[in-house]
Amino acid sequence: MTPFSTFITFLFTVLLATSAAALPVTTETGLTARASAPAAPHWVVYSDKWISGETGPPKTTDLVGYNTFLLSFWMSTGAADQAVMWSQMDAATRTSTKAEYEKAGIKLMVSAFGSSEAPTTSGADPVKTADSLATWVIQYGLDGVDIDYEDFQAMNKKDGTAENWLIKFTTELRKKLPSPQYVITHAPVAPWFSGAPTYPSGAYLAVDKAVGSMIDWYNIQFYNQYTEYTTCDGLLTKSSSQWPKSSVFEIAASGVPFNKLVIGKPATTGDQTNGGFMSTGDLATCIKTAKGKGWDAGVMTWQYPDGDSAWIKAVRAQAFPV
């Protein structure tokens, strides 16, 4: 084979692969999943509350300023709350809703587990659980999945039990939900990035080292740690000695990619359990400071409808105006 014909063959192969990667993925329900992983910044909101008169996700006009909407929660025992509502909608309504979100540039995903489930402690098999979750995501035509793993009992063993479960689970999940067709995010609490000696087994630094390339970004919960992460300094540059090295820039210094560190905050004091709330004005100031230092990952909030369009617009106002 001549060099020219070798080049032509190579070029054709590259073009074919590129075209294949760009093709939409049609699901079992006829819905179309996104064909490319999104770039930062990510503006993310969870939805778990029951809302009177609601029959599914809100209209996209109520979500201006967001680009990711998470239906909560899928559980190993089956879908619940907003996730089950999505599954109970008729196929035509799901199709039209998904098309509306696609047109608005908003990813529609499901969040798994949450605080109500401890999959490692309960003995859930990580591979089988990942397979079940992936099947559900594909069946109901979503853009991907967020892993809100809150098995504190397992992580607090500090012996690698939680980390190994998450690594096996994420590896299998990515096999079944390949990139870039599907998005996979995780939502760890910020202290889990403290690493050793706080967590000798590594916690989420070990997870990121092993399977971080399979995770598109982290919706980090910078809340429910009392007074931690309630100032720009504590949130961005220097966390307390109780949870060292767990502010945004310290996590980045530990080796986690800067553009994956999405800052998560409760929308109101009623959306927190024990602290972490910041006003939209204070948070906006922190976001402006972070952007000035090269950060652009985005913001997550728990939860809609408290974290509505007005909330995210106020948070973005100083650095990423809508």
Protein backbone atom coordinates (compact mmCIF):
# COMPACT_ATOMS: atom_id res chain seq x y z
CA MET A 1 0.00 0.00 0.00
CA THR A 2 1.41 3.45 -0.96
CA PRO A 3 1.75 6.23 1.62
CA PHE A 4 -1.04 8.19 -0.11
CA SER A 5 -3.48 5.29 -0.03
CA THR A 6 -2.54 4.68 3.60
CA PHE A 7 -3.37 8.29 4.37
CA ILE A 8 -6.71 8.07 2.56
CA THR A 9 -7.60 4.93 4.49
CA PHE A 10 -6.63 6.59 7.75
CA LEU A 11 -8.63 9.73 6.91
CA PHE A 12 -11.71 7.69 6.01
CA THR A 13 -11.43 5.77 9.28
CA VAL A 14 -11.18 8.98 11.31
CA LEU A 15 -14.15 10.55 9.52
CA LEU A 16 -16.21 7.43 9.99
CA ALA A 17 -15.41 7.30 13.70
CA THR A 18 -16.12 11.00 14.09
CA SER A 19 -19.45 10.66 12.30
CA ALA A 20 -20.41 7.69 14.43
CA ALA A 21 -19.59 9.58 17.61
CA ALA A 22 -21.76 12.48 16.52
CA LEU A 23 -24.81 10.40 15.68
CA PRO A 24 -27.75 10.65 18.08
CA VAL A 25 -28.57 7.59 20.14
CA THR A 26 -32.16 6.43 19.86
CA THR A 27 -33.52 4.78 22.97
CA GLU A 28 -36.04 2.01 23.43
CA THR A 29 -38.80 4.60 23.83
CA GLY A 30 -37.81 6.49 20.69
CA LEU A 31 -36.29 9.40 22.61
CA THR A 32 -32.89 10.70 21.60
CA ALA A 33 -29.99 11.04 24.01
CA ARG A 34 -27.42 13.80 23.53
CA ALA A 35 -24.51 12.88 21.30
CA SER A 36 -21.79 14.87 23.05
CA ALA A 37 -20.66 15.46 26.61
CA PRO A 38 -21.27 19.09 27.63
CA ALA A 39 -18.52 21.57 28.38
CA ALA A 40 -18.38 23.74 31.51
CA PRO A 41 -19.93 25.77 32.96
CA HIS A 42 -22.70 23.55 34.31
CA TRP A 43 -25.77 25.10 35.93
CA VAL A 44 -27.50 22.26 37.72
CA VAL A 45 -30.72 21.93 39.71
CA TYR A 46 -32.20 18.89 41.47
CA SER A 47 -35.94 18.25 41.61
CA ASP A 48 -37.32 16.02 44.36
CA LYS A 49 -40.25 17.95 45.83
CA TRP A 50 -43.85 17.12 45.09
CA ILE A 51 -45.47 20.20 43.54
CA SER A 52 -49.24 20.57 43.50
CA GLY A 53 -50.62 20.27 39.98
CA GLU A 54 -47.33 19.09 38.54
CA THR A 55 -47.41 16.20 36.09
CA GLY A 56 -43.74 16.12 35.09
CA PRO A 57 -40.66 18.33 34.76
CA PRO A 58 -41.32 22.09 34.62
CA LYS A 59 -41.49 24.05 31.42
CA THR A 60 -38.08 25.11 30.20
CA THR A 61 -39.18 28.73 30.44
CA ASP A 62 -39.14 28.21 34.21
CA LEU A 63 -35.53 27.05 34.05
CA VAL A 64 -33.81 29.88 32.18
CA GLY A 65 -30.23 30.02 33.41
CA TYR A 66 -29.89 26.25 33.97
CA ASN A 67 -28.53 23.67 31.55
CA THR A 68 -28.96 20.50 33.64
CA PHE A 69 -32.12 19.26 35.37
CA LEU A 70 -31.91 16.24 37.67
CA LEU A 71 -34.94 14.09 38.44
CA SER A 72 -34.56 12.67 41.95
CA PHE A 73 -34.30 9.79 42.78
CA TRP A 74 -33.66 6.41 41.22
CA MET A 75 -33.17 3.79 43.93
CA SER A 76 -31.89 0.24 43.69
CA THR A 77 -35.43 -0.82 44.61
CA GLY A 78 -36.93 1.27 41.81
CA ALA A 79 -37.67 4.87 40.87
CA ALA A 80 -39.16 7.29 43.41
CA ASP A 81 -40.44 10.87 43.61
CA GLN A 82 -39.71 12.87 40.43
CA ALA A 83 -37.99 9.91 38.78
CA VAL A 84 -41.05 7.69 39.11
CA MET A 85 -43.23 10.53 37.88
CA TRP A 86 -41.15 10.64 34.70
CA SER A 87 -41.50 6.90 34.20
CA GLN A 88 -45.28 7.07 34.68
CA MET A 89 -45.79 9.73 32.02
CA ASP A 90 -47.09 8.43 28.71
CA ALA A 91 -44.54 7.96 25.96
CA ALA A 92 -45.84 10.84 23.83
CA THR A 93 -45.56 13.30 26.72
CA ARG A 94 -42.05 12.13 27.55
CA THR A 95 -41.08 12.55 23.89
CA SER A 96 -42.44 16.08 23.65
CA THR A 97 -40.93 17.08 27.01
CA LYS A 98 -37.54 15.69 26.06
CA ALA A 99 -37.68 17.56 22.75
CA GLU A 100 -38.52 20.79 24.59
CA TYR A 101 -35.52 20.36 26.89
CA GLU A 102 -33.26 19.46 23.97
CA LYS A 103 -34.30 22.62 22.12
CA ALA A 104 -33.62 24.72 25.22
CA GLY A 105 -30.18 23.17 25.69
CA ILE A 106 -31.06 21.59 29.02
CA LYS A 107 -29.88 18.08 29.85
CA LEU A 108 -32.57 15.95 31.45
CA MET A 109 -31.04 13.36 33.77
CA VAL A 110 -31.88 11.20 36.76
CA SER A 111 -30.12 11.27 40.12
CA ALA A 112 -29.52 7.99 41.92
CA PHE A 113 -29.64 7.06 45.62
CA GLY A 114 -29.64 10.28 47.68
CA SER A 115 -29.73 10.32 51.47
CA SER A 116 -32.47 7.67 51.65
CA GLU A 117 -30.30 4.82 50.39
CA ALA A 118 -26.96 3.39 51.50
CA PRO A 119 -26.20 0.93 48.68
CA THR A 120 -22.84 -0.30 49.94
CA THR A 121 -23.98 -0.83 53.51
CA SER A 122 -27.17 -2.56 52.37
CA GLY A 123 -25.14 -5.03 50.31
CA ALA A 124 -26.22 -3.94 46.81
CA ASP A 125 -23.99 -5.48 44.15
CA PRO A 126 -22.22 -2.58 42.36
CA VAL A 127 -22.21 -4.20 38.92
CA LYS A 128 -25.82 -5.39 39.00
CA THR A 129 -26.95 -2.06 40.42
CA ALA A 130 -25.15 -0.18 37.66
CA ASP A 131 -26.71 -2.44 35.03
CA SER A 132 -30.20 -1.82 36.42
CA LEU A 133 -29.67 1.94 36.52
CA ALA A 134 -28.28 2.05 32.98
CA THR A 135 -31.20 0.01 31.68
CA TRP A 136 -33.63 2.48 33.29
CA VAL A 137 -31.84 5.51 31.86
CA ILE A 138 -31.88 4.03 28.36
CA GLN A 139 -35.46 2.81 28.62
CA TYR A 140 -36.76 6.24 29.59
CA GLY A 141 -34.64 8.24 27.18
CA LEU A 142 -32.62 10.42 29.54
CA ASP A 143 -29.31 12.16 28.86
CA GLY A 144 -27.49 10.50 31.71
CA VAL A 145 -27.26 10.00 35.45
CA ASP A 146 -26.00 11.73 38.57
CA ILE A 147 -24.67 9.55 41.40
CA ASP A 148 -25.70 11.11 44.71
CA TYR A 149 -23.92 8.56 46.89
CA GLU A 150 -24.43 9.34 50.58
CA ASP A 151 -23.48 6.07 52.26
CA PHE A 152 -21.68 7.71 55.18
CA GLN A 153 -21.51 4.49 57.16
CA ALA A 154 -19.51 2.81 54.42
CA MET A 155 -17.25 5.82 53.77
CA ASN A 156 -16.61 6.34 57.47
CA LYS A 157 -15.13 2.86 57.74
CA LYS A 158 -12.13 4.40 55.99
CA ASP A 159 -11.03 0.98 54.76
CA GLY A 160 -11.71 1.29 51.03
CA THR A 161 -15.13 -0.39 51.16
CA ALA A 162 -17.02 2.63 49.83
CA GLU A 163 -14.31 3.59 47.35
CA ASN A 164 -14.11 0.10 45.84
CA TRP A 165 -17.89 -0.08 45.52
CA LEU A 166 -18.01 3.28 43.74
CA ILE A 167 -15.13 2.34 41.43
CA LYS A 168 -16.76 -0.93 40.35
CA PHE A 169 -20.15 0.74 40.03
CA THR A 170 -18.88 3.67 37.93
CA THR A 171 -16.80 1.41 35.68
CA GLU A 172 -19.81 -0.76 34.87
CA LEU A 173 -22.13 2.22 34.50
CA ARG A 174 -19.82 3.84 31.95
CA LYS A 175 -19.63 0.58 30.00
CA LYS A 176 -23.40 0.61 29.66
CA LEU A 177 -23.73 4.38 29.22
CA PRO A 178 -20.81 5.25 26.95
CA SER A 179 -19.33 8.70 26.55
CA PRO A 180 -20.03 11.05 24.88
CA GLN A 181 -23.59 9.84 24.27
CA TYR A 182 -24.41 9.84 27.99
CA VAL A 183 -23.40 12.11 30.86
CA ILE A 184 -22.32 10.66 34.21
CA THR A 185 -21.83 12.96 37.19
CA HIS A 186 -21.23 12.33 40.90
CA ALA A 187 -22.40 14.44 43.85
CA PRO A 188 -20.04 13.83 46.79
CA VAL A 189 -20.01 15.92 49.94
CA ALA A 190 -17.02 18.25 49.94
CA PRO A 191 -15.25 16.69 52.99
CA TRP A 192 -14.81 13.46 51.02
CA PHE A 193 -12.12 15.26 49.04
CA SER A 194 -10.02 15.87 52.18
CA GLY A 195 -7.97 12.75 51.47
CA ALA A 196 -5.37 11.40 53.89
CA PRO A 197 -4.96 11.52 56.84
CA THR A 198 -8.66 12.40 57.28
CA TYR A 199 -9.57 9.53 54.97
CA PRO A 200 -6.62 7.10 54.83
CA SER A 201 -8.31 5.10 52.07
CA GLY A 202 -8.64 8.24 49.94
CA ALA A 203 -12.42 8.73 49.82
CA TYR A 204 -13.31 10.64 46.64
CA LEU A 205 -9.70 11.38 45.76
CA ALA A 206 -9.26 7.62 45.36
CA VAL A 207 -12.45 7.42 43.29
CA ASP A 208 -11.30 10.26 41.05
CA LYS A 209 -7.87 8.71 40.57
CA ALA A 210 -9.37 5.38 39.54
CA VAL A 211 -12.42 6.38 37.47
CA GLY A 212 -12.35 10.17 37.24
CA SER A 213 -11.95 9.97 33.48
CA MET A 214 -15.37 8.29 33.36
CA ILE A 215 -17.05 11.08 35.34
CA ASP A 216 -18.00 14.25 33.46
CA TRP A 217 -18.10 16.50 36.53
CA TYR A 218 -18.77 16.59 40.29
CA ASN A 219 -21.84 18.31 41.77
CA ILE A 220 -20.06 18.89 45.08
CA GLN A 221 -22.23 19.40 48.15
CA PHE A 222 -20.64 22.35 49.92
CA TYR A 223 -23.29 22.31 52.62
CA ASN A 224 -24.72 20.36 55.59
CA GLN A 225 -21.41 20.79 57.44
CA TYR A 226 -22.63 23.47 59.89
CA THR A 227 -20.59 26.68 59.40
CA GLU A 228 -18.20 25.15 56.86
CA TYR A 229 -18.07 26.68 53.35
CA THR A 230 -20.17 29.74 54.29
CA THR A 231 -17.57 32.39 53.37
CA CYS A 232 -15.75 32.88 50.09
CA ASP A 233 -12.47 32.02 51.76
CA GLY A 234 -13.80 28.80 53.31
CA LEU A 235 -15.61 27.81 50.13
CA LEU A 236 -12.86 28.61 47.66
CA THR A 237 -9.40 28.66 49.18
CA LYS A 238 -9.05 27.40 52.77
CA SER A 239 -11.43 24.99 54.49
CA SER A 240 -11.23 24.45 58.24
CA SER A 241 -9.00 22.00 60.06
CA GLN A 242 -12.00 19.74 60.60
CA TRP A 243 -12.26 19.08 56.88
CA PRO A 244 -8.87 20.13 55.48
CA LYS A 245 -8.13 20.55 51.80
CA SER A 246 -11.81 20.45 50.83
CA SER A 247 -12.38 23.95 49.43
CA VAL A 248 -12.59 24.37 45.65
CA PHE A 249 -8.99 25.41 45.01
CA GLU A 250 -7.61 22.91 47.53
CA ILE A 251 -9.49 20.07 45.80
CA ALA A 252 -8.02 21.21 42.51
CA ALA A 253 -4.56 21.26 44.09
CA SER A 254 -5.12 17.61 45.05
CA GLY A 255 -5.36 16.74 41.37
CA VAL A 256 -9.07 16.87 40.54
CA PRO A 257 -9.63 18.77 37.26
CA PHE A 258 -10.62 22.38 37.92
CA ASN A 259 -13.44 22.41 35.36
CA LYS A 260 -15.18 19.47 37.09
CA LEU A 261 -15.63 21.18 40.47
CA VAL A 262 -19.24 22.40 40.37
CA ILE A 263 -20.17 24.33 43.52
CA GLY A 264 -23.33 22.96 45.16
CA LYS A 265 -25.45 25.01 47.56
CA PRO A 266 -28.97 24.81 49.07
CA ALA A 267 -31.37 27.26 47.49
CA THR A 268 -32.93 28.27 50.82
CA THR A 269 -32.30 27.61 54.51
CA GLY A 270 -35.16 25.13 54.28
CA ASP A 271 -33.20 23.08 51.75
CA GLN A 272 -30.29 22.45 54.09
CA THR A 273 -30.06 20.01 57.00
CA ASN A 274 -27.33 21.60 59.07
CA GLY A 275 -25.76 24.61 57.44
CA GLY A 276 -23.96 25.79 54.35
CA PHE A 277 -26.55 28.24 53.05
CA MET A 278 -25.33 31.42 51.41
CA SER A 279 -27.45 34.23 50.03
CA THR A 280 -27.49 34.57 46.26
CA GLY A 281 -25.59 37.85 46.56
CA ASP A 282 -22.82 36.37 48.69
CA LEU A 283 -22.57 33.30 46.48
CA ALA A 284 -22.45 35.49 43.37
CA THR A 285 -19.49 37.36 44.86
CA CYS A 286 -17.67 34.07 45.49
CA ILE A 287 -18.41 32.91 41.94
CA LYS A 288 -16.98 36.15 40.56
CA THR A 289 -13.82 35.67 42.65
CA ALA A 290 -13.45 32.07 41.52
CA LYS A 291 -13.89 32.99 37.87
CA GLY A 292 -11.21 35.63 38.23
CA LYS A 293 -8.83 32.84 39.24
CA GLY A 294 -9.66 30.64 36.27
CA TRP A 295 -12.57 28.55 37.60
CA ASP A 296 -15.62 28.09 35.36
CA ALA A 297 -17.18 24.76 36.40
CA GLY A 298 -20.60 26.13 37.38
CA VAL A 299 -23.10 25.89 40.22
CA MET A 300 -25.51 23.24 41.46
CA THR A 301 -28.46 23.79 43.79
CA TRP A 302 -30.76 21.67 45.88
CA GLN A 303 -33.57 22.12 44.94
CA TYR A 304 -36.32 23.19 42.50
CA PRO A 305 -38.64 25.10 42.78
CA ASP A 306 -36.80 27.03 45.53
CA GLY A 307 -33.83 27.18 43.21
CA ASP A 308 -35.78 28.63 40.31
CA SER A 309 -34.73 30.75 37.35
CA ALA A 310 -34.55 33.88 39.49
CA TRP A 311 -32.21 32.11 41.92
CA ILE A 312 -29.68 30.97 39.31
CA LYS A 313 -29.82 34.30 37.48
CA ALA A 314 -28.93 36.07 40.73
CA VAL A 315 -26.07 33.65 41.42
CA ARG A 316 -24.69 34.08 37.91
CA ALA A 317 -25.22 37.84 37.73
CA GLN A 318 -21.71 39.06 38.58
CA ALA A 319 -19.66 36.60 36.54
CA PHE A 320 -21.86 34.61 34.14
CA PRO A 321 -24.91 36.83 33.46
CA VAL A 322 -27.85 35.20 31.70
